[in-house]
Amino acid sequence: MTTTDAAGIAGDLESLPELYGRLSAELSKAVYGQPEVVRLLLIGTFARGHSLITGVPGLAKTLLVRSLADVLDLEFRRIQFTPDLMPADITGSEVLEEDRTSGRRVFKLVKGPIFTHLLLADEINRATPRTQSALLQAMQERSVTIAGVTHELQEPFLVFATQNPIEQEGTYALPEAQLDRFLFSVLIDYPEPDSELDVVRRYSAGFRPGLERLLARETLVRLQAAVDQVPVSDHVLRYALNLVRKTRPGEPGAPDIVRAYVAYGAGPRAGVFLVHAARVLAAFQGSASVGTEHVRELALPVLRHRVLLNYRGLSEGVAVQRILDEVLQLVGRD
C-alpha cells in the first residue's frame, strides 16, 4: 500500500462518523421510530452483509429497504416470494431467439431480478427450499450460474430478506446453510407511541418523503473497502471467537443452558461476520481500532439466527435470546 493509498483510506475512515449521521437522519425522514433497525442495516450495508428482517406486516420493512437504496443511489429490485416461484424467476434463464440478421437461432440470456445492487426478497419463507436455494451462490460468491455459465454480479450486491413471524401457514423454514449467509438477523417491533402518532399523522395526510441521494455507488464500494483496514487486535479476535464457540454444546466451558437446549451453535462464518461488522461499528463511532465493546454490541444480531435449538429447547419454548444473554454474561466484557 502506497502512502497516497494509506492517506486516502484514512480520510475515508475519518468521514464515516459524519456520513453515518447524515444517512441515519435521511432514512428517519421515511421510517419513524426504528433507529436500531436503521443502524443495523447501515452497518450491514457497509460490511457487505445480507440481512434477514423479521417483523409483523405494516412496520415499513419494504419502505426502509427502498429508502436505503434511494439514499445510496443503488439499483433496487424486489421479489415477492410465493410457493409457485421458480429458481429461474430469480436468476433468469436462456431463451432461444432468432437472429434477424443471420436467421439463425441463438440462445440469449434474460437476466432475472437478482442482477441488481440491492435485492429485497419479500417474505422469503413463502417460497420452497428449492427456490430459496437459488440465492445461495449469489449471497456467498456474488455470482450466478445459468445454463452452466457463471455470471459475476456487480458490486455492491446486497440481499435484504423479510419474513412474517406470525402467519406460518404456507411457509417453509429457511435452510441452515442459507441462514448462515445472513450477516444479521434484524428484529423490527412496533414503534413507540409518539413515533407511531407521527406515522399516522403524516402518512394519513398523503406524506411522501423526498429523500436526498447522499452517496454514489462507487463511493460506497470504496468506503466498504476502507473499512477492511480498521485494525483488530488478537485480543479482540480471541474475544469474538470465544463468544462464538461458547454457543456450541460440545465446547469445553459452554454454559449449562447451551448444553441443555442447543443442537448446533454458530459456525466459523459467524466469527468472520462478527469481526467485520464490529469494524464498521468502530468506524461509524470514530474509533481508531475495534474494541471488545464493538464486538459485544453486535453479538446478538449476528448469532441469534445461528443457534439452533434441540428438541428439548423447542418443546420447552426456550428463547435463543435467553441463551445468548447467558453466553454474553459468561464471557464477560474482556
C-alpha atoms as a PDB file:
ATOM      1  CA  MET A   1       0.000   0.000   0.000  1.00  0.00           C
ATOM      2  CA  THR A   2       1.418   3.381  -1.035  1.00  0.00           C
ATOM      3  CA  THR A   3       1.482   6.456   1.161  1.00  0.00           C
ATOM      4  CA  THR A   4      -1.191   8.021  -1.056  1.00  0.00           C
ATOM      5  CA  ASP A   5      -3.432   4.963  -0.670  1.00  0.00           C
ATOM      6  CA  ALA A   6      -2.979   4.976   3.108  1.00  0.00           C
ATOM      7  CA  ALA A   7      -3.847   8.671   3.272  1.00  0.00           C
ATOM      8  CA  GLY A   8      -6.949   8.097   1.146  1.00  0.00           C
ATOM      9  CA  ILE A   9      -8.126   5.258   3.374  1.00  0.00           C
ATOM     10  CA  ALA A  10      -7.511   7.329   6.494  1.00  0.00           C
ATOM     11  CA  GLY A  11      -9.541  10.184   5.008  1.00  0.00           C
ATOM     12  CA  ASP A  12     -12.393   7.833   4.097  1.00  0.00           C
ATOM     13  CA  LEU A  13     -12.495   6.389   7.615  1.00  0.00           C
ATOM     14  CA  GLU A  14     -12.475   9.864   9.161  1.00  0.00           C
ATOM     15  CA  SER A  15     -15.512  10.792   7.054  1.00  0.00           C
ATOM     16  CA  LEU A  16     -17.622   7.837   8.180  1.00  0.00           C
ATOM     17  CA  PRO A  17     -18.991   9.133  11.539  1.00  0.00           C
ATOM     18  CA  GLU A  18     -20.370  12.267   9.902  1.00  0.00           C
ATOM     19  CA  LEU A  19     -21.685  10.294   6.912  1.00  0.00           C
ATOM     20  CA  TYR A  20     -23.365   7.765   9.192  1.00  0.00           C
ATOM     21  CA  GLY A  21     -25.179  10.582  10.994  1.00  0.00           C
ATOM     22  CA  ARG A  22     -26.415  12.055   7.718  1.00  0.00           C
ATOM     23  CA  LEU A  23     -27.575   8.685   6.402  1.00  0.00           C
ATOM     24  CA  SER A  24     -29.431   7.899   9.623  1.00  0.00           C
ATOM     25  CA  ALA A  25     -31.133  11.292   9.633  1.00  0.00           C
ATOM     26  CA  GLU A  26     -32.155  10.951   5.982  1.00  0.00           C
ATOM     27  CA  LEU A  27     -33.640   7.474   6.456  1.00  0.00           C
ATOM     28  CA  SER A  28     -35.516   8.696   9.522  1.00  0.00           C
ATOM     29  CA  LYS A  29     -37.462  11.042   7.245  1.00  0.00           C
ATOM     30  CA  ALA A  30     -39.177   7.986   5.755  1.00  0.00           C
ATOM     31  CA  VAL A  31     -39.177   5.495   8.649  1.00  0.00           C
ATOM     32  CA  TYR A  32     -40.015   6.683  12.160  1.00  0.00           C
ATOM     33  CA  GLY A  33     -39.234   5.064  15.475  1.00  0.00           C
ATOM     34  CA  GLN A  34     -36.823   2.376  14.256  1.00  0.00           C
ATOM     35  CA  PRO A  35     -33.329   3.786  14.979  1.00  0.00           C
ATOM     36  CA  GLU A  36     -31.813   0.400  15.900  1.00  0.00           C
ATOM     37  CA  VAL A  37     -33.099  -1.223  12.704  1.00  0.00           C
ATOM     38  CA  VAL A  38     -31.714   1.658  10.633  1.00  0.00           C
ATOM     39  CA  ARG A  39     -28.369   1.369  12.426  1.00  0.00           C
ATOM     40  CA  LEU A  40     -28.059  -2.378  11.797  1.00  0.00           C
ATOM     41  CA  LEU A  41     -28.997  -2.097   8.117  1.00  0.00           C
ATOM     42  CA  LEU A  42     -26.408   0.651   7.598  1.00  0.00           C
ATOM     43  CA  ILE A  43     -23.733  -1.408   9.377  1.00  0.00           C
ATOM     44  CA  GLY A  44     -24.679  -4.416   7.270  1.00  0.00           C
ATOM     45  CA  THR A  45     -24.507  -2.381   4.071  1.00  0.00           C
ATOM     46  CA  PHE A  46     -21.007  -1.061   4.758  1.00  0.00           C
ATOM     47  CA  ALA A  47     -19.919  -4.554   5.865  1.00  0.00           C
ATOM     48  CA  ARG A  48     -21.154  -6.016   2.533  1.00  0.00           C
ATOM     49  CA  GLY A  49     -23.522  -8.201   4.557  1.00  0.00           C
ATOM     50  CA  HIS A  50     -27.003  -9.518   3.851  1.00  0.00           C
ATOM     51  CA  SER A  51     -29.743  -9.046   6.458  1.00  0.00           C
ATOM     52  CA  LEU A  52     -32.823 -11.065   7.406  1.00  0.00           C
ATOM     53  CA  ILE A  53     -35.562  -8.734   8.700  1.00  0.00           C
ATOM     54  CA  THR A  54     -38.332 -10.250  10.808  1.00  0.00           C
ATOM     55  CA  GLY A  55     -41.450  -8.318  11.772  1.00  0.00           C
ATOM     56  CA  VAL A  56     -45.225  -8.258  11.508  1.00  0.00           C
ATOM     57  CA  PRO A  57     -46.873  -6.620   8.459  1.00  0.00           C
ATOM     58  CA  GLY A  58     -47.140  -2.850   8.336  1.00  0.00           C
ATOM     59  CA  LEU A  59     -43.832  -1.927  10.001  1.00  0.00           C
ATOM     60  CA  ALA A  60     -42.350  -0.322   6.850  1.00  0.00           C
ATOM     61  CA  LYS A  61     -39.819  -3.072   6.122  1.00  0.00           C
ATOM     62  CA  THR A  62     -40.155  -2.613   2.364  1.00  0.00           C
ATOM     63  CA  LEU A  63     -40.162   1.186   2.641  1.00  0.00           C
ATOM     64  CA  LEU A  64     -36.985   1.096   4.717  1.00  0.00           C
ATOM     65  CA  VAL A  65     -35.066  -1.036   2.221  1.00  0.00           C
ATOM     66  CA  ARG A  66     -36.286   1.005  -0.752  1.00  0.00           C
ATOM     67  CA  SER A  67     -35.333   4.230   1.051  1.00  0.00           C
ATOM     68  CA  LEU A  68     -31.861   2.838   1.759  1.00  0.00           C
ATOM     69  CA  ALA A  69     -31.412   2.159  -1.956  1.00  0.00           C
ATOM     70  CA  ASP A  70     -32.516   5.713  -2.745  1.00  0.00           C
ATOM     71  CA  VAL A  71     -30.110   7.493  -0.392  1.00  0.00           C
ATOM     72  CA  LEU A  72     -27.207   5.282  -1.554  1.00  0.00           C
ATOM     73  CA  ASP A  73     -28.095   5.608  -5.242  1.00  0.00           C
ATOM     74  CA  LEU A  74     -28.323   1.833  -5.694  1.00  0.00           C
ATOM     75  CA  GLU A  75     -30.381  -0.078  -8.230  1.00  0.00           C
ATOM     76  CA  PHE A  76     -33.257  -1.735  -6.359  1.00  0.00           C
ATOM     77  CA  ARG A  77     -35.293  -4.807  -7.269  1.00  0.00           C
ATOM     78  CA  ARG A  78     -37.987  -6.564  -5.271  1.00  0.00           C
ATOM     79  CA  ILE A  79     -39.131 -10.186  -5.495  1.00  0.00           C
ATOM     80  CA  GLN A  80     -42.376 -11.253  -3.857  1.00  0.00           C
ATOM     81  CA  PHE A  81     -41.689 -14.835  -2.774  1.00  0.00           C
ATOM     82  CA  THR A  82     -44.628 -17.210  -3.275  1.00  0.00           C
ATOM     83  CA  PRO A  83     -44.955 -21.034  -3.279  1.00  0.00           C
ATOM     84  CA  ASP A  84     -45.076 -21.150  -7.102  1.00  0.00           C
ATOM     85  CA  LEU A  85     -41.948 -19.007  -7.583  1.00  0.00           C
ATOM     86  CA  MET A  86     -39.253 -20.887  -9.515  1.00  0.00           C
ATOM     87  CA  PRO A  87     -35.445 -20.500  -9.310  1.00  0.00           C
ATOM     88  CA  ALA A  88     -35.338 -19.128 -12.863  1.00  0.00           C
ATOM     89  CA  ASP A  89     -37.721 -16.358 -11.787  1.00  0.00           C
ATOM     90  CA  ILE A  90     -34.885 -15.127  -9.562  1.00  0.00           C
ATOM     91  CA  THR A  91     -31.728 -15.849 -11.538  1.00  0.00           C
ATOM     92  CA  GLY A  92     -33.022 -15.596 -15.092  1.00  0.00           C
ATOM     93  CA  SER A  93     -32.636 -18.070 -17.937  1.00  0.00           C
ATOM     94  CA  GLU A  94     -31.519 -18.512 -21.516  1.00  0.00           C
ATOM     95  CA  VAL A  95     -34.180 -18.295 -24.204  1.00  0.00           C
ATOM     96  CA  LEU A  96     -33.955 -19.323 -27.839  1.00  0.00           C
ATOM     97  CA  GLU A  97     -34.299 -16.395 -30.214  1.00  0.00           C
ATOM     98  CA  GLU A  98     -33.905 -15.896 -33.926  1.00  0.00           C
ATOM     99  CA  ASP A  99     -31.115 -13.591 -35.052  1.00  0.00           C
ATOM    100  CA  ARG A 100     -32.771 -11.227 -37.530  1.00  0.00           C
ATOM    101  CA  THR A 101     -29.517 -10.630 -39.365  1.00  0.00           C
ATOM    102  CA  SER A 102     -28.431 -14.221 -39.956  1.00  0.00           C
ATOM    103  CA  GLY A 103     -31.728 -16.013 -39.482  1.00  0.00           C
ATOM    104  CA  ARG A 104     -30.031 -18.437 -37.098  1.00  0.00           C
ATOM    105  CA  ARG A 105     -31.441 -19.342 -33.738  1.00  0.00           C
ATOM    106  CA  VAL A 106     -29.265 -18.397 -30.777  1.00  0.00           C
ATOM    107  CA  PHE A 107     -29.589 -18.517 -27.025  1.00  0.00           C
ATOM    108  CA  LYS A 108     -29.961 -15.158 -25.300  1.00  0.00           C
ATOM    109  CA  LEU A 109     -29.533 -14.559 -21.579  1.00  0.00           C
ATOM    110  CA  VAL A 110     -32.551 -12.943 -19.946  1.00  0.00           C
ATOM    111  CA  LYS A 111     -31.310 -11.698 -16.592  1.00  0.00           C
ATOM    112  CA  GLY A 112     -33.515 -12.124 -13.543  1.00  0.00           C
ATOM    113  CA  PRO A 113     -34.054  -9.574 -10.765  1.00  0.00           C
ATOM    114  CA  ILE A 114     -31.011 -10.899  -8.889  1.00  0.00           C
ATOM    115  CA  PHE A 115     -28.865  -8.806 -11.256  1.00  0.00           C
ATOM    116  CA  THR A 116     -29.122  -5.656  -9.173  1.00  0.00           C
ATOM    117  CA  HIS A 117     -27.360  -3.877  -6.319  1.00  0.00           C
ATOM    118  CA  LEU A 118     -29.957  -4.198  -3.578  1.00  0.00           C
ATOM    119  CA  LEU A 119     -32.395  -7.106  -3.759  1.00  0.00           C
ATOM    120  CA  LEU A 120     -35.426  -7.262  -1.469  1.00  0.00           C
ATOM    121  CA  ALA A 121     -36.580 -10.868  -1.029  1.00  0.00           C
ATOM    122  CA  ASP A 122     -40.028 -10.167   0.377  1.00  0.00           C
ATOM    123  CA  GLU A 123     -41.493 -12.925   2.591  1.00  0.00           C
ATOM    124  CA  ILE A 124     -38.652 -15.238   1.639  1.00  0.00           C
ATOM    125  CA  ASN A 125     -40.035 -18.126   3.707  1.00  0.00           C
ATOM    126  CA  ARG A 126     -43.106 -18.412   1.464  1.00  0.00           C
ATOM    127  CA  ALA A 127     -41.077 -19.975  -1.357  1.00  0.00           C
ATOM    128  CA  THR A 128     -39.997 -23.613  -1.416  1.00  0.00           C
ATOM    129  CA  PRO A 129     -36.486 -24.547  -0.240  1.00  0.00           C
ATOM    130  CA  ARG A 130     -35.531 -25.233  -3.871  1.00  0.00           C
ATOM    131  CA  THR A 131     -36.357 -21.667  -4.834  1.00  0.00           C
ATOM    132  CA  GLN A 132     -34.759 -20.225  -1.698  1.00  0.00           C
ATOM    133  CA  SER A 133     -31.550 -22.050  -2.610  1.00  0.00           C
ATOM    134  CA  ALA A 134     -31.343 -20.050  -5.848  1.00  0.00           C
ATOM    135  CA  LEU A 135     -29.945 -17.235  -3.689  1.00  0.00           C
ATOM    136  CA  LEU A 136     -27.176 -19.277  -2.057  1.00  0.00           C
ATOM    137  CA  GLN A 137     -24.459 -18.888  -4.684  1.00  0.00           C
ATOM    138  CA  ALA A 138     -25.234 -15.204  -5.196  1.00  0.00           C
ATOM    139  CA  MET A 139     -25.148 -14.416  -1.479  1.00  0.00           C
ATOM    140  CA  GLN A 140     -21.821 -16.138  -0.895  1.00  0.00           C
ATOM    141  CA  GLU A 141     -19.905 -15.764  -4.163  1.00  0.00           C
ATOM    142  CA  ARG A 142     -21.553 -12.697  -5.726  1.00  0.00           C
ATOM    143  CA  SER A 143     -22.125 -14.683  -8.913  1.00  0.00           C
ATOM    144  CA  VAL A 144     -24.905 -16.641 -10.623  1.00  0.00           C
ATOM    145  CA  THR A 145     -24.626 -19.767 -12.771  1.00  0.00           C
ATOM    146  CA  ILE A 146     -27.171 -20.077 -15.589  1.00  0.00           C
ATOM    147  CA  ALA A 147     -27.028 -22.958 -18.082  1.00  0.00           C
ATOM    148  CA  GLY A 148     -23.515 -23.829 -16.926  1.00  0.00           C
ATOM    149  CA  VAL A 149     -22.150 -20.303 -17.388  1.00  0.00           C
ATOM    150  CA  THR A 150     -21.149 -18.208 -14.358  1.00  0.00           C
ATOM    151  CA  HIS A 151     -22.057 -14.515 -14.401  1.00  0.00           C
ATOM    152  CA  GLU A 152     -20.500 -12.082 -11.935  1.00  0.00           C
ATOM    153  CA  LEU A 153     -22.783  -9.704 -10.066  1.00  0.00           C
ATOM    154  CA  GLN A 154     -21.928  -6.016  -9.805  1.00  0.00           C
ATOM    155  CA  GLU A 155     -20.681  -4.595  -6.528  1.00  0.00           C
ATOM    156  CA  PRO A 156     -22.247  -3.839  -4.229  1.00  0.00           C
ATOM    157  CA  PHE A 157     -24.660  -6.765  -4.094  1.00  0.00           C
ATOM    158  CA  LEU A 158     -26.864  -7.000  -1.019  1.00  0.00           C
ATOM    159  CA  VAL A 159     -29.858  -9.181  -0.161  1.00  0.00           C
ATOM    160  CA  PHE A 160     -32.355  -7.933   2.405  1.00  0.00           C
ATOM    161  CA  ALA A 161     -34.951 -10.608   3.085  1.00  0.00           C
ATOM    162  CA  THR A 162     -38.133 -10.202   5.114  1.00  0.00           C
ATOM    163  CA  GLN A 163     -40.294 -12.741   6.873  1.00  0.00           C
ATOM    164  CA  ASN A 164     -43.500 -12.561   8.899  1.00  0.00           C
ATOM    165  CA  PRO A 165     -43.188 -14.207  12.351  1.00  0.00           C
ATOM    166  CA  ILE A 166     -46.937 -14.586  12.896  1.00  0.00           C
ATOM    167  CA  GLU A 167     -48.569 -16.235   9.886  1.00  0.00           C
ATOM    168  CA  GLN A 168     -46.814 -19.586   9.442  1.00  0.00           C
ATOM    169  CA  GLU A 169     -49.329 -21.420   7.234  1.00  0.00           C
ATOM    170  CA  GLY A 170     -47.857 -21.992   3.778  1.00  0.00           C
ATOM    171  CA  THR A 171     -44.316 -21.088   4.819  1.00  0.00           C
ATOM    172  CA  TYR A 172     -41.057 -23.023   4.661  1.00  0.00           C
ATOM    173  CA  ALA A 173     -38.251 -22.703   7.177  1.00  0.00           C
ATOM    174  CA  LEU A 174     -35.061 -21.297   5.707  1.00  0.00           C
ATOM    175  CA  PRO A 175     -32.303 -23.922   5.332  1.00  0.00           C
ATOM    176  CA  GLU A 176     -29.494 -23.583   7.863  1.00  0.00           C
ATOM    177  CA  ALA A 177     -26.991 -23.034   5.036  1.00  0.00           C
ATOM    178  CA  GLN A 178     -28.951 -20.007   3.868  1.00  0.00           C
ATOM    179  CA  LEU A 179     -29.477 -18.611   7.363  1.00  0.00           C
ATOM    180  CA  ASP A 180     -25.719 -18.714   7.875  1.00  0.00           C
ATOM    181  CA  ARG A 181     -25.187 -16.448   4.868  1.00  0.00           C
ATOM    182  CA  PHE A 182     -27.066 -13.591   6.512  1.00  0.00           C
ATOM    183  CA  LEU A 183     -24.825 -11.270   8.485  1.00  0.00           C
ATOM    184  CA  PHE A 184     -27.642 -10.010  10.704  1.00  0.00           C
ATOM    185  CA  SER A 185     -30.990 -11.208  11.943  1.00  0.00           C
ATOM    186  CA  VAL A 186     -32.826  -7.918  12.446  1.00  0.00           C
ATOM    187  CA  LEU A 187     -35.975  -7.874  14.588  1.00  0.00           C
ATOM    188  CA  ILE A 188     -38.330  -4.985  13.895  1.00  0.00           C
ATOM    189  CA  ASP A 189     -41.011  -4.250  16.503  1.00  0.00           C
ATOM    190  CA  TYR A 190     -43.846  -1.761  16.907  1.00  0.00           C
ATOM    191  CA  PRO A 191     -42.693   1.865  17.247  1.00  0.00           C
ATOM    192  CA  GLU A 192     -43.082   3.894  20.418  1.00  0.00           C
ATOM    193  CA  PRO A 193     -46.430   5.747  20.812  1.00  0.00           C
ATOM    194  CA  ASP A 194     -45.061   9.182  19.830  1.00  0.00           C
ATOM    195  CA  SER A 195     -43.340   7.771  16.746  1.00  0.00           C
ATOM    196  CA  GLU A 196     -46.458   5.864  15.730  1.00  0.00           C
ATOM    197  CA  LEU A 197     -48.507   9.050  16.113  1.00  0.00           C
ATOM    198  CA  ASP A 198     -46.084  10.782  13.721  1.00  0.00           C
ATOM    199  CA  VAL A 199     -46.504   7.953  11.211  1.00  0.00           C
ATOM    200  CA  VAL A 200     -50.308   8.153  11.317  1.00  0.00           C
ATOM    201  CA  ARG A 201     -50.372  11.962  11.201  1.00  0.00           C
ATOM    202  CA  ARG A 202     -48.022  12.305   8.233  1.00  0.00           C
ATOM    203  CA  TYR A 203     -48.878   9.334   6.060  1.00  0.00           C
ATOM    204  CA  SER A 204     -52.643   9.677   6.516  1.00  0.00           C
ATOM    205  CA  ALA A 205     -52.265  13.183   5.070  1.00  0.00           C
ATOM    206  CA  GLY A 206     -50.575  11.838   1.941  1.00  0.00           C
ATOM    207  CA  PHE A 207     -46.989  12.481   3.032  1.00  0.00           C
ATOM    208  CA  ARG A 208     -44.322  11.258   0.604  1.00  0.00           C
ATOM    209  CA  PRO A 209     -40.717  11.574   1.789  1.00  0.00           C
ATOM    210  CA  GLY A 210     -38.360  13.252  -0.631  1.00  0.00           C
ATOM    211  CA  LEU A 211     -35.029  11.612   0.116  1.00  0.00           C
ATOM    212  CA  GLU A 212     -31.676  13.062  -0.887  1.00  0.00           C
ATOM    213  CA  ARG A 213     -29.106  10.815  -2.532  1.00  0.00           C
ATOM    214  CA  LEU A 214     -26.110  11.157  -0.266  1.00  0.00           C
ATOM    215  CA  LEU A 215     -23.649   8.704  -1.769  1.00  0.00           C
ATOM    216  CA  ALA A 216     -22.647   7.448  -5.203  1.00  0.00           C
ATOM    217  CA  ARG A 217     -22.361   3.700  -5.739  1.00  0.00           C
ATOM    218  CA  GLU A 218     -18.635   3.946  -6.499  1.00  0.00           C
ATOM    219  CA  THR A 219     -18.061   5.846  -3.251  1.00  0.00           C
ATOM    220  CA  LEU A 220     -19.904   3.182  -1.262  1.00  0.00           C
ATOM    221  CA  VAL A 221     -17.714   0.450  -2.757  1.00  0.00           C
ATOM    222  CA  ARG A 222     -14.599   2.454  -1.852  1.00  0.00           C
ATOM    223  CA  LEU A 223     -15.793   3.010   1.719  1.00  0.00           C
ATOM    224  CA  GLN A 224     -16.629  -0.689   2.092  1.00  0.00           C
ATOM    225  CA  ALA A 225     -13.028  -1.476   1.169  1.00  0.00           C
ATOM    226  CA  ALA A 226     -11.684   1.176   3.541  1.00  0.00           C
ATOM    227  CA  VAL A 227     -13.492  -0.427   6.485  1.00  0.00           C
ATOM    228  CA  ASP A 228     -11.430  -3.587   5.899  1.00  0.00           C
ATOM    229  CA  GLN A 229      -8.392  -1.641   7.120  1.00  0.00           C
ATOM    230  CA  VAL A 230      -9.733  -0.835  10.602  1.00  0.00           C
ATOM    231  CA  PRO A 231      -7.249  -2.561  12.977  1.00  0.00           C
ATOM    232  CA  VAL A 232      -8.355  -5.518  15.119  1.00  0.00           C
ATOM    233  CA  SER A 233      -6.017  -6.835  17.826  1.00  0.00           C
ATOM    234  CA  ASP A 234      -5.535 -10.522  18.585  1.00  0.00           C
ATOM    235  CA  HIS A 235      -7.156  -9.903  21.964  1.00  0.00           C
ATOM    236  CA  VAL A 236     -10.372  -8.741  20.271  1.00  0.00           C
ATOM    237  CA  LEU A 237     -10.249 -11.600  17.757  1.00  0.00           C
ATOM    238  CA  ARG A 238      -9.971 -14.115  20.591  1.00  0.00           C
ATOM    239  CA  TYR A 239     -12.850 -12.422  22.393  1.00  0.00           C
ATOM    240  CA  ALA A 240     -15.106 -12.711  19.312  1.00  0.00           C
ATOM    241  CA  LEU A 241     -14.085 -16.328  18.798  1.00  0.00           C
ATOM    242  CA  ASN A 242     -14.797 -17.124  22.442  1.00  0.00           C
ATOM    243  CA  LEU A 243     -18.327 -15.741  22.103  1.00  0.00           C
ATOM    244  CA  VAL A 244     -18.962 -17.837  19.007  1.00  0.00           C
ATOM    245  CA  ARG A 245     -17.514 -21.053  20.418  1.00  0.00           C
ATOM    246  CA  LYS A 246     -19.472 -20.786  23.661  1.00  0.00           C
ATOM    247  CA  THR A 247     -22.709 -21.204  21.652  1.00  0.00           C
ATOM    248  CA  ARG A 248     -21.702 -24.794  20.800  1.00  0.00           C
ATOM    249  CA  PRO A 249     -22.938 -27.534  23.167  1.00  0.00           C
ATOM    250  CA  GLY A 250     -19.773 -29.623  22.726  1.00  0.00           C
ATOM    251  CA  GLU A 251     -17.406 -26.756  23.569  1.00  0.00           C
ATOM    252  CA  PRO A 252     -15.499 -27.065  26.878  1.00  0.00           C
ATOM    253  CA  GLY A 253     -16.782 -24.404  29.250  1.00  0.00           C
ATOM    254  CA  ALA A 254     -20.031 -23.785  27.371  1.00  0.00           C
ATOM    255  CA  PRO A 255     -22.874 -22.615  29.671  1.00  0.00           C
ATOM    256  CA  ASP A 256     -25.196 -25.275  31.046  1.00  0.00           C
ATOM    257  CA  ILE A 257     -28.106 -23.735  29.163  1.00  0.00           C
ATOM    258  CA  VAL A 258     -26.253 -24.274  25.859  1.00  0.00           C
ATOM    259  CA  ARG A 259     -25.518 -27.912  26.688  1.00  0.00           C
ATOM    260  CA  ALA A 260     -29.147 -28.491  27.666  1.00  0.00           C
ATOM    261  CA  TYR A 261     -31.047 -26.756  24.871  1.00  0.00           C
ATOM    262  CA  VAL A 262     -28.802 -26.194  21.820  1.00  0.00           C
ATOM    263  CA  ALA A 263     -28.414 -28.705  18.995  1.00  0.00           C
ATOM    264  CA  TYR A 264     -25.940 -26.688  16.896  1.00  0.00           C
ATOM    265  CA  GLY A 265     -24.132 -23.468  17.679  1.00  0.00           C
ATOM    266  CA  ALA A 266     -22.655 -20.806  15.429  1.00  0.00           C
ATOM    267  CA  GLY A 267     -20.002 -21.807  12.891  1.00  0.00           C
ATOM    268  CA  PRO A 268     -16.740 -20.121  11.844  1.00  0.00           C
ATOM    269  CA  ARG A 269     -18.524 -17.779   9.437  1.00  0.00           C
ATOM    270  CA  ALA A 270     -20.196 -16.168  12.448  1.00  0.00           C
ATOM    271  CA  GLY A 271     -16.806 -15.126  13.828  1.00  0.00           C
ATOM    272  CA  VAL A 272     -15.743 -13.645  10.493  1.00  0.00           C
ATOM    273  CA  PHE A 273     -19.002 -11.707  10.174  1.00  0.00           C
ATOM    274  CA  LEU A 274     -18.927 -10.552  13.786  1.00  0.00           C
ATOM    275  CA  VAL A 275     -15.445  -9.068  13.479  1.00  0.00           C
ATOM    276  CA  HIS A 276     -16.185  -7.399  10.158  1.00  0.00           C
ATOM    277  CA  ALA A 277     -19.420  -5.850  11.426  1.00  0.00           C
ATOM    278  CA  ALA A 278     -17.538  -4.631  14.511  1.00  0.00           C
ATOM    279  CA  ARG A 279     -15.056  -2.921  12.163  1.00  0.00           C
ATOM    280  CA  VAL A 280     -17.908  -0.931  10.619  1.00  0.00           C
ATOM    281  CA  LEU A 281     -19.356  -0.018  14.012  1.00  0.00           C
ATOM    282  CA  ALA A 282     -15.955   1.166  15.200  1.00  0.00           C
ATOM    283  CA  ALA A 283     -15.555   3.270  12.047  1.00  0.00           C
ATOM    284  CA  PHE A 284     -19.034   4.777  12.458  1.00  0.00           C
ATOM    285  CA  GLN A 285     -18.143   5.738  16.030  1.00  0.00           C
ATOM    286  CA  GLY A 286     -14.803   7.239  15.017  1.00  0.00           C
ATOM    287  CA  SER A 287     -12.726   4.666  16.926  1.00  0.00           C
ATOM    288  CA  ALA A 288      -9.141   4.087  15.825  1.00  0.00           C
ATOM    289  CA  SER A 289      -9.491   0.302  16.253  1.00  0.00           C
ATOM    290  CA  VAL A 290     -12.052  -2.355  17.131  1.00  0.00           C
ATOM    291  CA  GLY A 291     -12.659  -2.996  20.827  1.00  0.00           C
ATOM    292  CA  THR A 292     -14.440  -5.803  22.623  1.00  0.00           C
ATOM    293  CA  GLU A 293     -17.332  -3.411  23.229  1.00  0.00           C
ATOM    294  CA  HIS A 294     -17.967  -3.211  19.473  1.00  0.00           C
ATOM    295  CA  VAL A 295     -17.991  -6.998  19.170  1.00  0.00           C
ATOM    296  CA  ARG A 296     -20.264  -7.383  22.179  1.00  0.00           C
ATOM    297  CA  GLU A 297     -22.714  -4.778  20.894  1.00  0.00           C
ATOM    298  CA  LEU A 298     -23.334  -6.732  17.671  1.00  0.00           C
ATOM    299  CA  ALA A 299     -23.212 -10.273  19.067  1.00  0.00           C
ATOM    300  CA  LEU A 300     -26.990 -10.749  19.306  1.00  0.00           C
ATOM    301  CA  PRO A 301     -27.962  -9.862  15.698  1.00  0.00           C
ATOM    302  CA  VAL A 302     -25.016 -11.887  14.355  1.00  0.00           C
ATOM    303  CA  LEU A 303     -25.586 -15.001  16.488  1.00  0.00           C
ATOM    304  CA  ARG A 304     -29.313 -15.342  17.159  1.00  0.00           C
ATOM    305  CA  HIS A 305     -30.188 -16.984  13.818  1.00  0.00           C
ATOM    306  CA  ARG A 306     -27.186 -19.313  14.039  1.00  0.00           C
ATOM    307  CA  VAL A 307     -28.093 -21.000  17.343  1.00  0.00           C
ATOM    308  CA  LEU A 308     -30.407 -23.950  16.635  1.00  0.00           C
ATOM    309  CA  LEU A 309     -32.391 -25.434  19.489  1.00  0.00           C
ATOM    310  CA  ASN A 310     -32.660 -29.180  20.105  1.00  0.00           C
ATOM    311  CA  TYR A 311     -35.968 -30.976  20.679  1.00  0.00           C
ATOM    312  CA  ARG A 312     -35.961 -30.168  24.384  1.00  0.00           C
ATOM    313  CA  GLY A 313     -35.351 -26.496  23.759  1.00  0.00           C
ATOM    314  CA  LEU A 314     -38.133 -26.330  21.166  1.00  0.00           C
ATOM    315  CA  SER A 315     -40.629 -28.255  23.303  1.00  0.00           C
ATOM    316  CA  GLU A 316     -39.970 -26.088  26.358  1.00  0.00           C
ATOM    317  CA  GLY A 317     -40.108 -22.869  24.347  1.00  0.00           C
ATOM    318  CA  VAL A 318     -36.654 -21.676  25.365  1.00  0.00           C
ATOM    319  CA  ALA A 319     -35.782 -18.306  23.801  1.00  0.00           C
ATOM    320  CA  VAL A 320     -32.497 -18.041  21.913  1.00  0.00           C
ATOM    321  CA  GLN A 321     -32.192 -14.540  23.374  1.00  0.00           C
ATOM    322  CA  ARG A 322     -32.015 -16.050  26.868  1.00  0.00           C
ATOM    323  CA  ILE A 323     -29.290 -18.460  25.787  1.00  0.00           C
ATOM    324  CA  LEU A 324     -27.178 -15.731  24.222  1.00  0.00           C
ATOM    325  CA  ASP A 325     -27.629 -13.493  27.265  1.00  0.00           C
ATOM    326  CA  GLU A 326     -26.039 -16.215  29.379  1.00  0.00           C
ATOM    327  CA  VAL A 327     -23.215 -16.663  26.869  1.00  0.00           C
ATOM    328  CA  LEU A 328     -22.503 -12.936  26.987  1.00  0.00           C
ATOM    329  CA  GLN A 329     -22.607 -12.972  30.778  1.00  0.00           C
ATOM    330  CA  LEU A 330     -20.199 -15.925  30.911  1.00  0.00           C
ATOM    331  CA  VAL A 331     -17.658 -14.455  28.501  1.00  0.00           C
ATOM    332  CA  GLY A 332     -17.859 -11.045  30.153  1.00  0.00           C
ATOM    333  CA  ARG A 333     -16.661  -7.793  28.688  1.00  0.00           C
ATOM    334  CA  ASP A 334     -12.984  -8.640  28.362  1.00  0.00           C
END
